[in-house]
Amino acid sequence: MIMNSSEIIIELKAQASEKYKANVVKMGIPEEYSIGVSTSVIRMLAKKIGKSNKLAFELWNTGYHEARLLAVLLFNSKEISAADTEKLMKEVISWDLCDHLCKNLIIKRKDYNDFLMK
């Protein structure tokens, strides 16, 4: 499925739920950066889209929490630089995005030990 970042944001907003958004905001995600989409919807969308670092960075740069969760699933860990991975880590503002980034991207890198806290 070929989609650009704008189309993906429209799709995420179409799948949004005010109830889910309220729950995410309660967990500390700023309301202006929350769309209100469940992780299961994000995972299904990621499978349809496929890997693309370019698209993943575009989604990440929207600032939307759910777009960042989706971006993590779209990154190809073999093709993303250590510097870009460091940049992503510095922009994480929630525990769930941190978990998502660690288990879906960083741990899959050959140099993942370089990202361990010392």
PDB file of N, CA and C in Angstrom:
ATOM      1  N   MET A   1       0.853  -1.180   0.000  1.00  0.00           N
ATOM      2  CA  MET A   1       0.000   0.000   0.000  1.00  0.00           C
ATOM      3  C   MET A   1       0.893   1.235   0.000  1.00  0.00           C
ATOM      4  N   ILE A   2       0.729   2.071  -0.992  1.00  0.00           N
ATOM      5  CA  ILE A   2       1.539   3.282  -1.076  1.00  0.00           C
ATOM      6  C   ILE A   2       0.702   4.462  -0.567  1.00  0.00           C
ATOM      7  N   MET A   3       1.200   5.074   0.507  1.00  0.00           N
ATOM      8  CA  MET A   3       0.545   6.236   1.096  1.00  0.00           C
ATOM      9  C   MET A   3       1.628   7.235   1.464  1.00  0.00           C
ATOM     10  N   ASN A   4       1.294   8.511   1.439  1.00  0.00           N
ATOM     11  CA  ASN A   4       2.240   9.502   1.941  1.00  0.00           C
ATOM     12  C   ASN A   4       1.870   9.846   3.379  1.00  0.00           C
ATOM     13  N   SER A   5       2.702  10.631   4.023  1.00  0.00           N
ATOM     14  CA  SER A   5       2.488  10.911   5.447  1.00  0.00           C
ATOM     15  C   SER A   5       1.170  11.648   5.699  1.00  0.00           C
ATOM     16  N   SER A   6       0.781  12.543   4.806  1.00  0.00           N
ATOM     17  CA  SER A   6      -0.493  13.266   4.970  1.00  0.00           C
ATOM     18  C   SER A   6      -1.681  12.310   4.904  1.00  0.00           C
ATOM     19  N   GLU A   7      -1.633  11.378   3.965  1.00  0.00           N
ATOM     20  CA  GLU A   7      -2.712  10.390   3.844  1.00  0.00           C
ATOM     21  C   GLU A   7      -2.771   9.486   5.069  1.00  0.00           C
ATOM     22  N   ILE A   8      -1.616   9.165   5.605  1.00  0.00           N
ATOM     23  CA  ILE A   8      -1.566   8.313   6.796  1.00  0.00           C
ATOM     24  C   ILE A   8      -2.159   9.042   8.002  1.00  0.00           C
ATOM     25  N   ILE A   9      -1.845  10.310   8.162  1.00  0.00           N
ATOM     26  CA  ILE A   9      -2.413  11.089   9.272  1.00  0.00           C
ATOM     27  C   ILE A   9      -3.934  11.150   9.130  1.00  0.00           C
ATOM     28  N   ILE A  10      -4.433  11.341   7.905  1.00  0.00           N
ATOM     29  CA  ILE A  10      -5.880  11.348   7.662  1.00  0.00           C
ATOM     30  C   ILE A  10      -6.476   9.995   8.057  1.00  0.00           C
ATOM     31  N   GLU A  11      -5.791   8.907   7.690  1.00  0.00           N
ATOM     32  CA  GLU A  11      -6.268   7.564   8.040  1.00  0.00           C
ATOM     33  C   GLU A  11      -6.254   7.363   9.556  1.00  0.00           C
ATOM     34  N   LEU A  12      -5.207   7.805  10.226  1.00  0.00           N
ATOM     35  CA  LEU A  12      -5.145   7.689  11.686  1.00  0.00           C
ATOM     36  C   LEU A  12      -6.296   8.461  12.334  1.00  0.00           C
ATOM     37  N   LYS A  13      -6.552   9.663  11.844  1.00  0.00           N
ATOM     38  CA  LYS A  13      -7.649  10.472  12.402  1.00  0.00           C
ATOM     39  C   LYS A  13      -9.000   9.815  12.147  1.00  0.00           C
ATOM     40  N   ALA A  14      -9.144   9.122  11.022  1.00  0.00           N
ATOM     41  CA  ALA A  14     -10.395   8.423  10.720  1.00  0.00           C
ATOM     42  C   ALA A  14     -10.612   7.241  11.674  1.00  0.00           C
ATOM     43  N   GLN A  15      -9.522   6.684  12.179  1.00  0.00           N
ATOM     44  CA  GLN A  15      -9.589   5.541  13.098  1.00  0.00           C
ATOM     45  C   GLN A  15      -9.621   5.977  14.575  1.00  0.00           C
ATOM     46  N   ALA A  16      -9.610   7.260  14.809  1.00  0.00           N
ATOM     47  CA  ALA A  16      -9.484   7.797  16.174  1.00  0.00           C
ATOM     48  C   ALA A  16     -10.750   7.586  17.005  1.00  0.00           C
ATOM     49  N   SER A  17     -10.522   7.538  18.290  1.00  0.00           N
ATOM     50  CA  SER A  17     -11.599   7.414  19.273  1.00  0.00           C
ATOM     51  C   SER A  17     -11.356   8.438  20.378  1.00  0.00           C
ATOM     52  N   GLU A  18     -12.364   9.224  20.695  1.00  0.00           N
ATOM     53  CA  GLU A  18     -12.229  10.214  21.779  1.00  0.00           C
ATOM     54  C   GLU A  18     -11.949   9.524  23.112  1.00  0.00           C
ATOM     55  N   LYS A  19     -12.547   8.364  23.316  1.00  0.00           N
ATOM     56  CA  LYS A  19     -12.325   7.606  24.552  1.00  0.00           C
ATOM     57  C   LYS A  19     -10.852   7.194  24.658  1.00  0.00           C
ATOM     58  N   TYR A  20     -10.295   6.688  23.563  1.00  0.00           N
ATOM     59  CA  TYR A  20      -8.893   6.280  23.579  1.00  0.00           C
ATOM     60  C   TYR A  20      -7.985   7.491  23.742  1.00  0.00           C
ATOM     61  N   LYS A  21      -8.317   8.580  23.071  1.00  0.00           N
ATOM     62  CA  LYS A  21      -7.516   9.797  23.187  1.00  0.00           C
ATOM     63  C   LYS A  21      -7.488  10.283  24.635  1.00  0.00           C
ATOM     64  N   ALA A  22      -8.646  10.285  25.284  1.00  0.00           N
ATOM     65  CA  ALA A  22      -8.717  10.714  26.686  1.00  0.00           C
ATOM     66  C   ALA A  22      -7.832   9.840  27.566  1.00  0.00           C
ATOM     67  N   ASN A  23      -7.805   8.554  27.287  1.00  0.00           N
ATOM     68  CA  ASN A  23      -6.982   7.627  28.061  1.00  0.00           C
ATOM     69  C   ASN A  23      -5.496   7.906  27.852  1.00  0.00           C
ATOM     70  N   VAL A  24      -5.111   8.169  26.610  1.00  0.00           N
ATOM     71  CA  VAL A  24      -3.711   8.449  26.293  1.00  0.00           C
ATOM     72  C   VAL A  24      -3.271   9.761  26.945  1.00  0.00           C
ATOM     73  N   VAL A  25      -4.142  10.757  26.896  1.00  0.00           N
ATOM     74  CA  VAL A  25      -3.838  12.048  27.510  1.00  0.00           C
ATOM     75  C   VAL A  25      -3.664  11.880  29.021  1.00  0.00           C
ATOM     76  N   LYS A  26      -4.487  11.013  29.599  1.00  0.00           N
ATOM     77  CA  LYS A  26      -4.385  10.729  31.043  1.00  0.00           C
ATOM     78  C   LYS A  26      -3.022  10.137  31.397  1.00  0.00           C
ATOM     79  N   MET A  27      -2.420   9.431  30.440  1.00  0.00           N
ATOM     80  CA  MET A  27      -1.105   8.819  30.683  1.00  0.00           C
ATOM     81  C   MET A  27       0.036   9.812  30.485  1.00  0.00           C
ATOM     82  N   GLY A  28      -0.295  11.054  30.098  1.00  0.00           N
ATOM     83  CA  GLY A  28       0.732  12.079  30.012  1.00  0.00           C
ATOM     84  C   GLY A  28       1.099  12.534  28.616  1.00  0.00           C
ATOM     85  N   ILE A  29       0.449  12.011  27.595  1.00  0.00           N
ATOM     86  CA  ILE A  29       0.719  12.473  26.229  1.00  0.00           C
ATOM     87  C   ILE A  29      -0.020  13.798  26.051  1.00  0.00           C
ATOM     88  N   PRO A  30       0.671  14.856  25.643  1.00  0.00           N
ATOM     89  CA  PRO A  30      -0.014  16.142  25.450  1.00  0.00           C
ATOM     90  C   PRO A  30      -1.161  16.004  24.436  1.00  0.00           C
ATOM     91  N   GLU A  31      -2.302  16.579  24.759  1.00  0.00           N
ATOM     92  CA  GLU A  31      -3.492  16.434  23.921  1.00  0.00           C
ATOM     93  C   GLU A  31      -3.256  16.879  22.477  1.00  0.00           C
ATOM     94  N   GLU A  32      -2.493  17.945  22.293  1.00  0.00           N
ATOM     95  CA  GLU A  32      -2.268  18.442  20.927  1.00  0.00           C
ATOM     96  C   GLU A  32      -1.428  17.487  20.079  1.00  0.00           C
ATOM     97  N   TYR A  33      -0.767  16.509  20.716  1.00  0.00           N
ATOM     98  CA  TYR A  33       0.042  15.533  19.987  1.00  0.00           C
ATOM     99  C   TYR A  33      -0.601  14.153  19.951  1.00  0.00           C
ATOM    100  N   SER A  34      -1.817  14.051  20.438  1.00  0.00           N
ATOM    101  CA  SER A  34      -2.512  12.765  20.479  1.00  0.00           C
ATOM    102  C   SER A  34      -3.662  12.749  19.474  1.00  0.00           C
ATOM    103  N   ILE A  35      -3.746  11.669  18.723  1.00  0.00           N
ATOM    104  CA  ILE A  35      -4.838  11.488  17.777  1.00  0.00           C
ATOM    105  C   ILE A  35      -5.921  10.619  18.409  1.00  0.00           C
ATOM    106  N   GLY A  36      -5.518   9.587  19.146  1.00  0.00           N
ATOM    107  CA  GLY A  36      -6.471   8.698  19.804  1.00  0.00           C
ATOM    108  C   GLY A  36      -6.696   7.398  19.066  1.00  0.00           C
ATOM    109  N   VAL A  37      -5.600   6.739  18.686  1.00  0.00           N
ATOM    110  CA  VAL A  37      -5.679   5.495  17.926  1.00  0.00           C
ATOM    111  C   VAL A  37      -4.990   4.391  18.721  1.00  0.00           C
ATOM    112  N   SER A  38      -5.602   3.228  18.757  1.00  0.00           N
ATOM    113  CA  SER A  38      -5.031   2.110  19.512  1.00  0.00           C
ATOM    114  C   SER A  38      -3.802   1.544  18.815  1.00  0.00           C
ATOM    115  N   THR A  39      -2.957   0.926  19.586  1.00  0.00           N
ATOM    116  CA  THR A  39      -1.739   0.317  19.052  1.00  0.00           C
ATOM    117  C   THR A  39      -2.072  -0.793  18.067  1.00  0.00           C
ATOM    118  N   SER A  40      -3.168  -1.519  18.280  1.00  0.00           N
ATOM    119  CA  SER A  40      -3.534  -2.597  17.353  1.00  0.00           C
ATOM    120  C   SER A  40      -3.839  -2.034  15.963  1.00  0.00           C
ATOM    121  N   VAL A  41      -4.499  -0.891  15.894  1.00  0.00           N
ATOM    122  CA  VAL A  41      -4.770  -0.239  14.605  1.00  0.00           C
ATOM    123  C   VAL A  41      -3.459   0.197  13.956  1.00  0.00           C
ATOM    124  N   ILE A  42      -2.555   0.734  14.759  1.00  0.00           N
ATOM    125  CA  ILE A  42      -1.254   1.186  14.260  1.00  0.00           C
ATOM    126  C   ILE A  42      -0.465   0.009  13.691  1.00  0.00           C
ATOM    127  N   ARG A  43      -0.487  -1.114  14.387  1.00  0.00           N
ATOM    128  CA  ARG A  43       0.232  -2.303  13.907  1.00  0.00           C
ATOM    129  C   ARG A  43      -0.349  -2.819  12.589  1.00  0.00           C
ATOM    130  N   MET A  44      -1.666  -2.834  12.472  1.00  0.00           N
ATOM    131  CA  MET A  44      -2.298  -3.276  11.223  1.00  0.00           C
ATOM    132  C   MET A  44      -1.925  -2.357  10.064  1.00  0.00           C
ATOM    133  N   LEU A  45      -1.905  -1.065  10.327  1.00  0.00           N
ATOM    134  CA  LEU A  45      -1.545  -0.089   9.302  1.00  0.00           C
ATOM    135  C   LEU A  45      -0.085  -0.270   8.880  1.00  0.00           C
ATOM    136  N   ALA A  46       0.784  -0.514   9.837  1.00  0.00           N
ATOM    137  CA  ALA A  46       2.208  -0.724   9.539  1.00  0.00           C
ATOM    138  C   ALA A  46       2.403  -1.917   8.612  1.00  0.00           C
ATOM    139  N   LYS A  47       1.658  -2.985   8.840  1.00  0.00           N
ATOM    140  CA  LYS A  47       1.772  -4.179   7.985  1.00  0.00           C
ATOM    141  C   LYS A  47       1.340  -3.872   6.563  1.00  0.00           C
ATOM    142  N   LYS A  48       0.330  -3.030   6.402  1.00  0.00           N
ATOM    143  CA  LYS A  48      -0.150  -2.664   5.062  1.00  0.00           C
ATOM    144  C   LYS A  48       0.851  -1.766   4.339  1.00  0.00           C
ATOM    145  N   ILE A  49       1.525  -0.894   5.087  1.00  0.00           N
ATOM    146  CA  ILE A  49       2.413   0.107   4.482  1.00  0.00           C
ATOM    147  C   ILE A  49       3.775  -0.479   4.123  1.00  0.00           C
ATOM    148  N   GLY A  50       4.383  -1.211   5.038  1.00  0.00           N
ATOM    149  CA  GLY A  50       5.716  -1.758   4.807  1.00  0.00           C
ATOM    150  C   GLY A  50       6.814  -0.802   5.248  1.00  0.00           C
ATOM    151  N   LYS A  51       8.043  -1.288   5.216  1.00  0.00           N
ATOM    152  CA  LYS A  51       9.208  -0.533   5.703  1.00  0.00           C
ATOM    153  C   LYS A  51       9.565   0.632   4.781  1.00  0.00           C
ATOM    154  N   SER A  52       9.859   1.770   5.384  1.00  0.00           N
ATOM    155  CA  SER A  52      10.322   2.939   4.634  1.00  0.00           C
ATOM    156  C   SER A  52      10.868   3.959   5.622  1.00  0.00           C
ATOM    157  N   ASN A  53      12.176   4.121   5.637  1.00  0.00           N
ATOM    158  CA  ASN A  53      12.772   5.097   6.548  1.00  0.00           C
ATOM    159  C   ASN A  53      12.351   6.515   6.200  1.00  0.00           C
ATOM    160  N   LYS A  54      12.236   6.811   4.906  1.00  0.00           N
ATOM    161  CA  LYS A  54      11.831   8.158   4.493  1.00  0.00           C
ATOM    162  C   LYS A  54      10.442   8.490   5.030  1.00  0.00           C
ATOM    163  N   LEU A  55       9.503   7.600   4.824  1.00  0.00           N
ATOM    164  CA  LEU A  55       8.139   7.804   5.309  1.00  0.00           C
ATOM    165  C   LEU A  55       8.109   7.822   6.841  1.00  0.00           C
ATOM    166  N   ALA A  56       8.887   6.955   7.463  1.00  0.00           N
ATOM    167  CA  ALA A  56       8.935   6.910   8.930  1.00  0.00           C
ATOM    168  C   ALA A  56       9.407   8.243   9.508  1.00  0.00           C
ATOM    169  N   PHE A  57      10.451   8.823   8.919  1.00  0.00           N
ATOM    170  CA  PHE A  57      10.926  10.129   9.404  1.00  0.00           C
ATOM    171  C   PHE A  57       9.874  11.218   9.201  1.00  0.00           C
ATOM    172  N   GLU A  58       9.183  11.176   8.076  1.00  0.00           N
ATOM    173  CA  GLU A  58       8.112  12.156   7.841  1.00  0.00           C
ATOM    174  C   GLU A  58       7.035  12.045   8.914  1.00  0.00           C
ATOM    175  N   LEU A  59       6.642  10.818   9.228  1.00  0.00           N
ATOM    176  CA  LEU A  59       5.630  10.609  10.268  1.00  0.00           C
ATOM    177  C   LEU A  59       6.152  11.044  11.632  1.00  0.00           C
ATOM    178  N   TRP A  60       7.375  10.677  11.944  1.00  0.00           N
ATOM    179  CA  TRP A  60       7.981  11.055  13.229  1.00  0.00           C
ATOM    180  C   TRP A  60       7.954  12.574  13.392  1.00  0.00           C
ATOM    181  N   ASN A  61       8.290  13.278  12.326  1.00  0.00           N
ATOM    182  CA  ASN A  61       8.399  14.733  12.387  1.00  0.00           C
ATOM    183  C   ASN A  61       7.056  15.455  12.498  1.00  0.00           C
ATOM    184  N   THR A  62       5.932  14.730  12.347  1.00  0.00           N
ATOM    185  CA  THR A  62       4.624  15.363  12.566  1.00  0.00           C
ATOM    186  C   THR A  62       4.424  15.685  14.034  1.00  0.00           C
ATOM    187  N   GLY A  63       5.122  14.955  14.914  1.00  0.00           N
ATOM    188  CA  GLY A  63       4.983  15.165  16.351  1.00  0.00           C
ATOM    189  C   GLY A  63       3.832  14.400  16.972  1.00  0.00           C
ATOM    190  N   TYR A  64       2.945  13.857  16.160  1.00  0.00           N
ATOM    191  CA  TYR A  64       1.823  13.090  16.711  1.00  0.00           C
ATOM    192  C   TYR A  64       2.338  11.803  17.348  1.00  0.00           C
ATOM    193  N   HIS A  65       1.824  11.521  18.530  1.00  0.00           N
ATOM    194  CA  HIS A  65       2.237  10.331  19.269  1.00  0.00           C
ATOM    195  C   HIS A  65       2.016   9.058  18.455  1.00  0.00           C
ATOM    196  N   GLU A  66       0.837   8.909  17.899  1.00  0.00           N
ATOM    197  CA  GLU A  66       0.508   7.696  17.147  1.00  0.00           C
ATOM    198  C   GLU A  66       1.315   7.604  15.858  1.00  0.00           C
ATOM    199  N   ALA A  67       1.611   8.740  15.238  1.00  0.00           N
ATOM    200  CA  ALA A  67       2.446   8.745  14.038  1.00  0.00           C
ATOM    201  C   ALA A  67       3.861   8.291  14.389  1.00  0.00           C
ATOM    202  N   ARG A  68       4.328   8.654  15.558  1.00  0.00           N
ATOM    203  CA  ARG A  68       5.661   8.224  15.996  1.00  0.00           C
ATOM    204  C   ARG A  68       5.672   6.722  16.303  1.00  0.00           C
ATOM    205  N   LEU A  69       4.600   6.238  16.926  1.00  0.00           N
ATOM    206  CA  LEU A  69       4.510   4.795  17.166  1.00  0.00           C
ATOM    207  C   LEU A  69       4.546   4.052  15.837  1.00  0.00           C
ATOM    208  N   LEU A  70       3.803   4.537  14.854  1.00  0.00           N
ATOM    209  CA  LEU A  70       3.782   3.923  13.523  1.00  0.00           C
ATOM    210  C   LEU A  70       5.155   4.035  12.866  1.00  0.00           C
ATOM    211  N   ALA A  71       5.779   5.183  12.984  1.00  0.00           N
ATOM    212  CA  ALA A  71       7.108   5.386  12.391  1.00  0.00           C
ATOM    213  C   ALA A  71       8.100   4.341  12.871  1.00  0.00           C
ATOM    214  N   VAL A  72       8.072   4.050  14.162  1.00  0.00           N
ATOM    215  CA  VAL A  72       8.998   3.060  14.723  1.00  0.00           C
ATOM    216  C   VAL A  72       8.830   1.719  14.013  1.00  0.00           C
ATOM    217  N   LEU A  73       7.589   1.356  13.697  1.00  0.00           N
ATOM    218  CA  LEU A  73       7.336   0.091  13.013  1.00  0.00           C
ATOM    219  C   LEU A  73       7.745   0.122  11.543  1.00  0.00           C
ATOM    220  N   LEU A  74       7.833   1.300  10.966  1.00  0.00           N
ATOM    221  CA  LEU A  74       8.194   1.429   9.554  1.00  0.00           C
ATOM    222  C   LEU A  74       9.698   1.547   9.320  1.00  0.00           C
ATOM    223  N   PHE A  75      10.451   1.932  10.361  1.00  0.00           N
ATOM    224  CA  PHE A  75      11.895   2.054  10.208  1.00  0.00           C
ATOM    225  C   PHE A  75      12.514   0.696   9.901  1.00  0.00           C
ATOM    226  N   ASN A  76      13.517   0.703   9.035  1.00  0.00           N
ATOM    227  CA  ASN A  76      14.300  -0.488   8.761  1.00  0.00           C
ATOM    228  C   ASN A  76      15.564  -0.377   9.614  1.00  0.00           C
ATOM    229  N   SER A  77      15.653  -1.215  10.629  1.00  0.00           N
ATOM    230  CA  SER A  77      16.765  -1.119  11.582  1.00  0.00           C
ATOM    231  C   SER A  77      18.128  -1.322  10.922  1.00  0.00           C
ATOM    232  N   LYS A  78      18.160  -1.997   9.775  1.00  0.00           N
ATOM    233  CA  LYS A  78      19.430  -2.228   9.079  1.00  0.00           C
ATOM    234  C   LYS A  78      19.885  -1.002   8.293  1.00  0.00           C
ATOM    235  N   GLU A  79      18.965  -0.064   8.078  1.00  0.00           N
ATOM    236  CA  GLU A  79      19.289   1.083   7.240  1.00  0.00           C
ATOM    237  C   GLU A  79      19.268   2.422   7.975  1.00  0.00           C
ATOM    238  N   ILE A  80      18.966   2.432   9.249  1.00  0.00           N
ATOM    239  CA  ILE A  80      18.926   3.686  10.003  1.00  0.00           C
ATOM    240  C   ILE A  80      20.262   3.871  10.734  1.00  0.00           C
ATOM    241  N   SER A  81      20.782   5.062  10.667  1.00  0.00           N
ATOM    242  CA  SER A  81      22.099   5.314  11.267  1.00  0.00           C
ATOM    243  C   SER A  81      22.021   5.387  12.794  1.00  0.00           C
ATOM    244  N   ALA A  82      23.159   5.209  13.412  1.00  0.00           N
ATOM    245  CA  ALA A  82      23.249   5.345  14.865  1.00  0.00           C
ATOM    246  C   ALA A  82      22.902   6.773  15.279  1.00  0.00           C
ATOM    247  N   ALA A  83      23.341   7.760  14.503  1.00  0.00           N
ATOM    248  CA  ALA A  83      23.042   9.162  14.825  1.00  0.00           C
ATOM    249  C   ALA A  83      21.545   9.434  14.761  1.00  0.00           C
ATOM    250  N   ASP A  84      20.876   8.885  13.753  1.00  0.00           N
ATOM    251  CA  ASP A  84      19.429   9.061  13.663  1.00  0.00           C
ATOM    252  C   ASP A  84      18.715   8.358  14.815  1.00  0.00           C
ATOM    253  N   THR A  85      19.213   7.198  15.187  1.00  0.00           N
ATOM    254  CA  THR A  85      18.621   6.475  16.318  1.00  0.00           C
ATOM    255  C   THR A  85      18.769   7.289  17.598  1.00  0.00           C
ATOM    256  N   GLU A  86      19.941   7.877  17.801  1.00  0.00           N
ATOM    257  CA  GLU A  86      20.171   8.751  18.965  1.00  0.00           C
ATOM    258  C   GLU A  86      19.205   9.930  18.962  1.00  0.00           C
ATOM    259  N   LYS A  87      18.996  10.532  17.794  1.00  0.00           N
ATOM    260  CA  LYS A  87      18.078  11.665  17.672  1.00  0.00           C
ATOM    261  C   LYS A  87      16.664  11.249  18.072  1.00  0.00           C
ATOM    262  N   LEU A  88      16.227  10.096  17.603  1.00  0.00           N
ATOM    263  CA  LEU A  88      14.894   9.601  17.960  1.00  0.00           C
ATOM    264  C   LEU A  88      14.785   9.425  19.471  1.00  0.00           C
ATOM    265  N   MET A  89      15.799   8.831  20.066  1.00  0.00           N
ATOM    266  CA  MET A  89      15.778   8.582  21.506  1.00  0.00           C
ATOM    267  C   MET A  89      15.624   9.883  22.292  1.00  0.00           C
ATOM    268  N   LYS A  90      16.276  10.932  21.839  1.00  0.00           N
ATOM    269  CA  LYS A  90      16.223  12.216  22.543  1.00  0.00           C
ATOM    270  C   LYS A  90      14.853  12.883  22.437  1.00  0.00           C
ATOM    271  N   GLU A  91      14.055  12.481  21.448  1.00  0.00           N
ATOM    272  CA  GLU A  91      12.751  13.099  21.237  1.00  0.00           C
ATOM    273  C   GLU A  91      11.590  12.306  21.848  1.00  0.00           C
ATOM    274  N   VAL A  92      11.886  11.217  22.516  1.00  0.00           N
ATOM    275  CA  VAL A  92      10.853  10.400  23.158  1.00  0.00           C
ATOM    276  C   VAL A  92      10.353  11.117  24.405  1.00  0.00           C
ATOM    277  N   ILE A  93       9.024  11.241  24.530  1.00  0.00           N
ATOM    278  CA  ILE A  93       8.468  11.929  25.700  1.00  0.00           C
ATOM    279  C   ILE A  93       7.522  11.052  26.526  1.00  0.00           C
ATOM    280  N   SER A  94       7.431   9.766  26.183  1.00  0.00           N
ATOM    281  CA  SER A  94       6.518   8.904  26.940  1.00  0.00           C
ATOM    282  C   SER A  94       7.112   7.509  27.102  1.00  0.00           C
ATOM    283  N   TRP A  95       6.686   6.833  28.157  1.00  0.00           N
ATOM    284  CA  TRP A  95       7.205   5.498  28.430  1.00  0.00           C
ATOM    285  C   TRP A  95       6.807   4.516  27.339  1.00  0.00           C
ATOM    286  N   ASP A  96       5.584   4.630  26.776  1.00  0.00           N
ATOM    287  CA  ASP A  96       5.164   3.661  25.770  1.00  0.00           C
ATOM    288  C   ASP A  96       5.933   3.828  24.465  1.00  0.00           C
ATOM    289  N   LEU A  97       6.245   5.066  24.102  1.00  0.00           N
ATOM    290  CA  LEU A  97       7.051   5.286  22.904  1.00  0.00           C
ATOM    291  C   LEU A  97       8.476   4.784  23.136  1.00  0.00           C
ATOM    292  N   CYS A  98       8.988   4.963  24.334  1.00  0.00           N
ATOM    293  CA  CYS A  98      10.311   4.451  24.691  1.00  0.00           C
ATOM    294  C   CYS A  98      10.334   2.924  24.554  1.00  0.00           C
ATOM    295  N   ASP A  99       9.335   2.248  25.127  1.00  0.00           N
ATOM    296  CA  ASP A  99       9.234   0.793  25.005  1.00  0.00           C
ATOM    297  C   ASP A  99       9.183   0.375  23.541  1.00  0.00           C
ATOM    298  N   HIS A 100       8.338   1.051  22.806  1.00  0.00           N
ATOM    299  CA  HIS A 100       8.118   0.753  21.395  1.00  0.00           C
ATOM    300  C   HIS A 100       9.424   0.901  20.600  1.00  0.00           C
ATOM    301  N   LEU A 101      10.127   1.992  20.830  1.00  0.00           N
ATOM    302  CA  LEU A 101      11.385   2.263  20.138  1.00  0.00           C
ATOM    303  C   LEU A 101      12.434   1.205  20.484  1.00  0.00           C
ATOM    304  N   CYS A 102      12.520   0.872  21.758  1.00  0.00           N
ATOM    305  CA  CYS A 102      13.524  -0.104  22.195  1.00  0.00           C
ATOM    306  C   CYS A 102      13.261  -1.498  21.633  1.00  0.00           C
ATOM    307  N   LYS A 103      12.025  -1.982  21.750  1.00  0.00           N
ATOM    308  CA  LYS A 103      11.763  -3.370  21.349  1.00  0.00           C
ATOM    309  C   LYS A 103      11.526  -3.557  19.856  1.00  0.00           C
ATOM    310  N   ASN A 104      11.177  -2.495  19.150  1.00  0.00           N
ATOM    311  CA  ASN A 104      10.901  -2.646  17.723  1.00  0.00           C
ATOM    312  C   ASN A 104      11.995  -2.100  16.813  1.00  0.00           C
ATOM    313  N   LEU A 105      12.944  -1.348  17.374  1.00  0.00           N
ATOM    314  CA  LEU A 105      14.002  -0.789  16.534  1.00  0.00           C
ATOM    315  C   LEU A 105      15.390  -1.019  17.125  1.00  0.00           C
ATOM    316  N   ILE A 106      15.617  -0.509  18.318  1.00  0.00           N
ATOM    317  CA  ILE A 106      16.976  -0.520  18.867  1.00  0.00           C
ATOM    318  C   ILE A 106      17.497  -1.933  19.098  1.00  0.00           C
ATOM    319  N   ILE A 107      16.702  -2.798  19.684  1.00  0.00           N
ATOM    320  CA  ILE A 107      17.152  -4.156  19.998  1.00  0.00           C
ATOM    321  C   ILE A 107      17.459  -4.948  18.723  1.00  0.00           C
ATOM    322  N   LYS A 108      16.931  -4.520  17.592  1.00  0.00           N
ATOM    323  CA  LYS A 108      17.154  -5.212  16.318  1.00  0.00           C
ATOM    324  C   LYS A 108      18.426  -4.746  15.607  1.00  0.00           C
ATOM    325  N   ARG A 109      19.030  -3.693  16.135  1.00  0.00           N
ATOM    326  CA  ARG A 109      20.272  -3.181  15.539  1.00  0.00           C
ATOM    327  C   ARG A 109      21.456  -4.054  15.957  1.00  0.00           C
ATOM    328  N   LYS A 110      22.400  -4.240  15.065  1.00  0.00           N
ATOM    329  CA  LYS A 110      23.599  -5.015  15.405  1.00  0.00           C
ATOM    330  C   LYS A 110      24.399  -4.332  16.501  1.00  0.00           C
ATOM    331  N   ASP A 111      24.339  -3.009  16.544  1.00  0.00           N
ATOM    332  CA  ASP A 111      25.111  -2.251  17.537  1.00  0.00           C
ATOM    333  C   ASP A 111      24.264  -1.816  18.745  1.00  0.00           C
ATOM    334  N   TYR A 112      23.212  -2.566  19.050  1.00  0.00           N
ATOM    335  CA  TYR A 112      22.295  -2.131  20.106  1.00  0.00           C
ATOM    336  C   TYR A 112      22.986  -1.960  21.453  1.00  0.00           C
ATOM    337  N   ASN A 113      24.060  -2.669  21.690  1.00  0.00           N
ATOM    338  CA  ASN A 113      24.774  -2.513  22.968  1.00  0.00           C
ATOM    339  C   ASN A 113      25.321  -1.104  23.125  1.00  0.00           C
ATOM    340  N   ASP A 114      25.577  -0.407  22.025  1.00  0.00           N
ATOM    341  CA  ASP A 114      26.086   0.955  22.091  1.00  0.00           C
ATOM    342  C   ASP A 114      25.060   1.909  22.678  1.00  0.00           C
ATOM    343  N   PHE A 115      23.795   1.507  22.702  1.00  0.00           N
ATOM    344  CA  PHE A 115      22.721   2.367  23.196  1.00  0.00           C
ATOM    345  C   PHE A 115      22.358   2.088  24.658  1.00  0.00           C
ATOM    346  N   LEU A 116      23.029   1.128  25.270  1.00  0.00           N
ATOM    347  CA  LEU A 116      22.773   0.820  26.677  1.00  0.00           C
ATOM    348  C   LEU A 116      23.331   1.932  27.547  1.00  0.00           C
ATOM    349  N   MET A 117      22.639   2.213  28.627  1.00  0.00           N
ATOM    350  CA  MET A 117      23.129   3.247  29.556  1.00  0.00           C
ATOM    351  C   MET A 117      24.329   2.680  30.301  1.00  0.00           C
ATOM    352  N   LYS A 118      25.326   3.498  30.443  1.00  0.00           N
ATOM    353  CA  LYS A 118      26.542   3.028  31.121  1.00  0.00           C
ATOM    354  C   LYS A 118      26.752   3.766  32.405  1.00  0.00           C
TER     355      LYS A 118
END
